[in-house]
C-alpha cells in the first residue's frame, strides 16, 4: 500500500479509493463525517528533492487531486508559517498556475494539495518547434508576473516546474510549486541540502 515513506515504484494497476481506504495508513487529512480521515492516498506519481507526489481522493465525494508530501519533519511553528504562505497560493486564480487547494500535516510531514492534471514537465516534453516553445514560455512568464504582482515569488523556476498540458490543438503551460523550495529551508535536516533547490536555476540575487 502507498505511504509517503514508501517505494518509488509506480503501481501497474492503481488502487481504487475503496481498496486504499481499507488500510488506515493510506488515510490522511481532517476527520470526515464517519470520524475517519477525509482523504485517501492512491498511487505514487513522482518523487523529487521536495518530496513525493501521490494521486489522492476525497472519500465522501470521489474528488481526485494531487498531494505533495514535503521532505523533512515540521513542528508547529514551521507548519503555521507554511500554512500562511499556502493561503496566499490558494488565492492565485491564474489559468497558467497549478491551483493549490490546501495543506496540512500528517505525522510531522507537511503536505500540499493541488489540482490533478494530465501534463508533462517541460524538461521532459521534448518540444522542438520554436513557436510552441515560445508560447509555453509566454504562458509561464505571464503566470510568474501575475504572482509577482501579488507579492509571491517562485524562487525555483526551472523546466521541471513548468507543466505542459494539451487543450485541443494548443499547448497550455502550468507553473507549479511556487515557493516550496524556499518554504522547505529550515524544515528538517534534509532542507539544508543543496539538492532541495537547484543552484543552476536560482535567481542571481
Protein backbone atom coordinates (compact mmCIF):
# COMPACT_ATOMS: atom_id res chain seq x y z
CA UNK A 1 0.00 0.00 0.00
CA UNK A 2 1.32 3.50 -0.72
CA UNK A 3 2.64 5.73 2.01
CA UNK A 4 4.83 8.86 1.96
CA UNK A 5 7.90 6.91 3.10
CA UNK A 6 7.37 4.05 0.64
CA UNK A 7 8.93 2.81 -2.58
CA UNK A 8 9.39 4.94 -5.69
CA UNK A 9 7.85 2.20 -7.81
CA UNK A 10 4.62 3.27 -9.52
CA UNK A 11 1.87 0.66 -9.40
CA UNK A 12 0.84 -1.10 -12.61
CA UNK A 13 -2.81 -1.03 -11.52
CA UNK A 14 -3.80 1.99 -9.41
CA UNK A 15 -5.74 1.25 -6.27
CA UNK A 16 -9.38 2.19 -6.20
CA UNK A 17 -10.41 4.59 -3.43
CA UNK A 18 -12.32 1.77 -1.68
CA UNK A 19 -9.30 -0.55 -1.76
CA UNK A 20 -6.93 2.10 -0.46
CA UNK A 21 -9.32 3.23 2.28
CA UNK A 22 -9.33 -0.28 3.75
CA UNK A 23 -5.79 0.35 5.09
CA UNK A 24 -5.65 3.05 7.82
CA UNK A 25 -2.11 4.05 6.83
CA UNK A 26 -3.46 5.30 3.48
CA UNK A 27 -5.80 7.81 5.13
CA UNK A 28 -4.92 11.43 5.87
CA UNK A 29 -6.46 14.84 6.37
CA UNK A 30 -9.15 16.18 8.71
CA UNK A 31 -11.82 13.85 10.05
CA UNK A 32 -14.84 13.17 7.86
CA UNK A 33 -18.44 12.52 8.89
CA UNK A 34 -17.55 8.96 9.90
CA UNK A 35 -14.70 10.09 12.15
CA UNK A 36 -12.01 8.71 9.83
CA UNK A 37 -9.57 10.93 7.86
CA UNK A 38 -11.30 12.51 4.91
CA UNK A 39 -8.74 11.72 2.21
CA UNK A 40 -7.10 8.54 0.94
CA UNK A 41 -3.75 8.05 -0.82
CA UNK A 42 -3.78 6.15 -4.08
CA UNK A 43 -0.70 5.59 -6.28
CA UNK A 44 2.66 7.33 -6.26
CA UNK A 45 3.04 9.78 -9.15
CA UNK A 46 6.55 11.19 -8.73
CA UNK A 47 9.45 11.80 -6.37
CA UNK A 48 11.93 14.69 -6.30
CA UNK A 49 14.06 16.70 -3.88
CA UNK A 50 10.97 18.45 -2.48
CA UNK A 51 9.25 15.18 -1.55
CA UNK A 52 6.77 12.78 -3.11
CA UNK A 53 3.54 13.33 -5.03
CA UNK A 54 0.54 10.99 -4.89
CA UNK A 55 -2.82 10.82 -6.56
CA UNK A 56 -5.39 11.09 -3.80
CA UNK A 57 -9.14 11.08 -3.38
CA UNK A 58 -11.71 12.62 -1.07
CA UNK A 59 -13.64 9.58 0.17
CA UNK A 60 -17.05 11.21 0.50
CA UNK A 61 -17.16 12.84 -2.94
CA UNK A 62 -14.71 10.80 -5.09
CA UNK A 63 -12.95 14.07 -5.91
CA UNK A 64 -9.42 13.32 -7.13
CA UNK A 65 -6.44 15.59 -6.56
CA UNK A 66 -2.66 15.50 -6.25
CA UNK A 67 -0.93 15.77 -2.88
CA UNK A 68 2.74 16.50 -2.28
CA UNK A 69 4.26 15.25 0.97
CA UNK A 70 7.22 17.51 1.56
CA UNK A 71 10.70 16.42 2.61
CA UNK A 72 11.74 16.65 6.24
CA UNK A 73 9.86 16.89 9.51
CA UNK A 74 7.97 20.00 10.59
CA UNK A 75 6.88 21.22 14.01
CA UNK A 76 4.02 23.54 14.92
CA UNK A 77 5.95 26.74 14.18
CA UNK A 78 7.07 25.65 10.72
CA UNK A 79 3.61 24.29 9.92
CA UNK A 80 1.97 27.57 10.88
CA UNK A 81 4.37 29.58 8.71
CA UNK A 82 3.79 27.37 5.70
CA UNK A 83 0.02 27.37 6.18
CA UNK A 84 0.10 31.17 5.94
CA UNK A 85 2.05 31.00 2.70
CA UNK A 86 -0.24 28.34 1.26
CA UNK A 87 -3.24 30.57 1.95
CA UNK A 88 -1.65 33.10 -0.40
CA UNK A 89 -1.04 30.41 -3.02
CA UNK A 90 -4.66 29.29 -2.84
CA UNK A 91 -5.66 32.83 -3.79
CA UNK A 92 -3.73 32.78 -7.09
CA UNK A 93 -6.51 32.21 -9.66
CA UNK A 94 -4.50 32.27 -12.86
CA UNK A 95 -5.00 29.90 -15.81
CA UNK A 96 -1.26 29.22 -16.00
CA UNK A 97 -0.70 28.47 -12.31
CA UNK A 98 -1.37 24.99 -10.99
CA UNK A 99 -4.07 25.58 -8.38
CA UNK A 100 -3.17 24.89 -4.75
CA UNK A 101 -6.16 23.58 -2.79
CA UNK A 102 -4.93 23.35 0.80
CA UNK A 103 -2.32 21.92 3.12
CA UNK A 104 -1.89 20.01 6.36
CA UNK A 105 0.42 17.82 8.39
CA UNK A 106 0.46 14.04 8.76
CA UNK A 107 2.82 12.54 11.32
CA UNK A 108 5.02 15.68 11.14
CA UNK A 109 5.13 15.53 7.34
CA UNK A 110 3.74 18.63 5.67
CA UNK A 111 1.57 18.11 2.63
CA UNK A 112 0.15 20.42 -0.02
CA UNK A 113 -2.96 19.54 -2.05
CA UNK A 114 -3.10 20.58 -5.71
CA UNK A 115 -5.22 20.13 -8.81
CA UNK A 116 -4.63 16.81 -10.55
CA UNK A 117 -3.79 17.44 -14.20
CA UNK A 118 -2.61 15.31 -17.11
CA UNK A 119 0.59 17.08 -18.08
CA UNK A 120 4.30 16.57 -18.70
CA UNK A 121 7.16 18.67 -17.25
CA UNK A 122 8.61 20.99 -19.87
CA UNK A 123 12.03 19.41 -19.36
CA UNK A 124 10.64 16.04 -20.47
CA UNK A 125 8.24 17.20 -23.19
CA UNK A 126 10.93 17.19 -25.94
CA UNK A 127 9.25 20.01 -27.83
CA UNK A 128 11.42 21.19 -30.73
CA UNK A 129 9.13 23.61 -32.55
CA UNK A 130 10.21 27.17 -31.71
CA UNK A 131 6.66 28.67 -31.86
CA UNK A 132 5.39 26.06 -29.38
CA UNK A 133 8.28 26.72 -27.01
CA UNK A 134 7.76 30.48 -27.22
CA UNK A 135 4.05 30.08 -26.49
CA UNK A 136 4.75 27.97 -23.40
CA UNK A 137 7.38 30.38 -22.12
CA UNK A 138 4.94 33.26 -22.62
CA UNK A 139 2.34 31.39 -20.54
CA UNK A 140 4.88 30.75 -17.79
CA UNK A 141 6.08 34.36 -17.82
CA UNK A 142 2.52 35.66 -17.51
CA UNK A 143 1.92 33.35 -14.54
CA UNK A 144 5.10 34.43 -12.76
CA UNK A 145 4.38 38.12 -13.47
CA UNK A 146 0.89 37.77 -12.03
CA UNK A 147 2.27 36.11 -8.89
CA UNK A 148 4.92 38.84 -8.53
CA UNK A 149 2.19 41.49 -8.62
CA UNK A 150 0.52 39.62 -5.74
CA UNK A 151 3.79 39.61 -3.77
CA UNK A 152 4.52 35.91 -4.29
CA UNK A 153 7.84 34.71 -5.69
CA UNK A 154 8.60 31.29 -7.06
CA UNK A 155 12.24 31.03 -6.05
CA UNK A 156 12.96 27.89 -8.09
CA UNK A 157 11.65 28.26 -11.59
CA UNK A 158 13.07 25.60 -13.90
CA UNK A 159 11.77 23.29 -16.69
CA UNK A 160 10.63 20.68 -14.16
CA UNK A 161 8.26 23.18 -12.54
CA UNK A 162 6.53 24.13 -15.78
CA UNK A 163 3.95 21.55 -16.85
CA UNK A 164 2.78 21.16 -20.44
CA UNK A 165 -0.87 20.22 -20.83
CA UNK A 166 -2.74 19.88 -24.11
CA UNK A 167 -6.06 21.64 -24.67
CA UNK A 168 -7.48 20.82 -28.08
CA UNK A 169 -4.80 21.79 -30.59
CA UNK A 170 -2.95 24.13 -28.24
CA UNK A 171 -0.31 23.62 -25.56
CA UNK A 172 -1.07 25.04 -22.15
CA UNK A 173 1.65 25.77 -19.57
CA UNK A 174 1.08 25.44 -15.82
CA UNK A 175 3.65 26.69 -13.32
CA UNK A 176 3.76 24.62 -10.13
CA UNK A 177 5.49 24.51 -6.73
CA UNK A 178 5.52 28.26 -6.10
CA UNK A 179 7.85 28.96 -3.19
CA UNK A 180 8.03 25.36 -1.97
CA UNK A 181 11.83 25.11 -2.20
CA UNK A 182 12.11 28.33 -0.22
CA UNK A 183 9.50 27.21 2.31
CA UNK A 184 11.35 23.95 2.93
CA UNK A 185 14.52 25.73 4.03
CA UNK A 186 14.84 25.22 7.76
CA UNK A 187 12.26 22.39 7.87
CA UNK A 188 14.04 19.17 8.84
CA UNK A 189 17.63 18.07 8.21
CA UNK A 190 17.09 17.43 4.50
CA UNK A 191 16.01 21.01 3.90
CA UNK A 192 19.51 22.44 4.29
CA UNK A 193 20.80 20.21 1.49
CA UNK A 194 21.72 21.98 -1.79
CA UNK A 195 19.62 19.33 -3.60
CA UNK A 196 16.41 20.95 -2.35
CA UNK A 197 16.87 23.95 -4.65
CA UNK A 198 18.64 23.66 -7.99
CA UNK A 199 21.50 26.15 -7.98
CA UNK A 200 21.67 26.32 -11.79
CA UNK A 201 18.17 27.85 -11.91
CA UNK A 202 18.22 30.10 -8.84
CA UNK A 203 17.92 33.85 -9.49
CA UNK A 204 21.32 35.61 -9.19
CA UNK A 205 20.35 37.50 -6.05
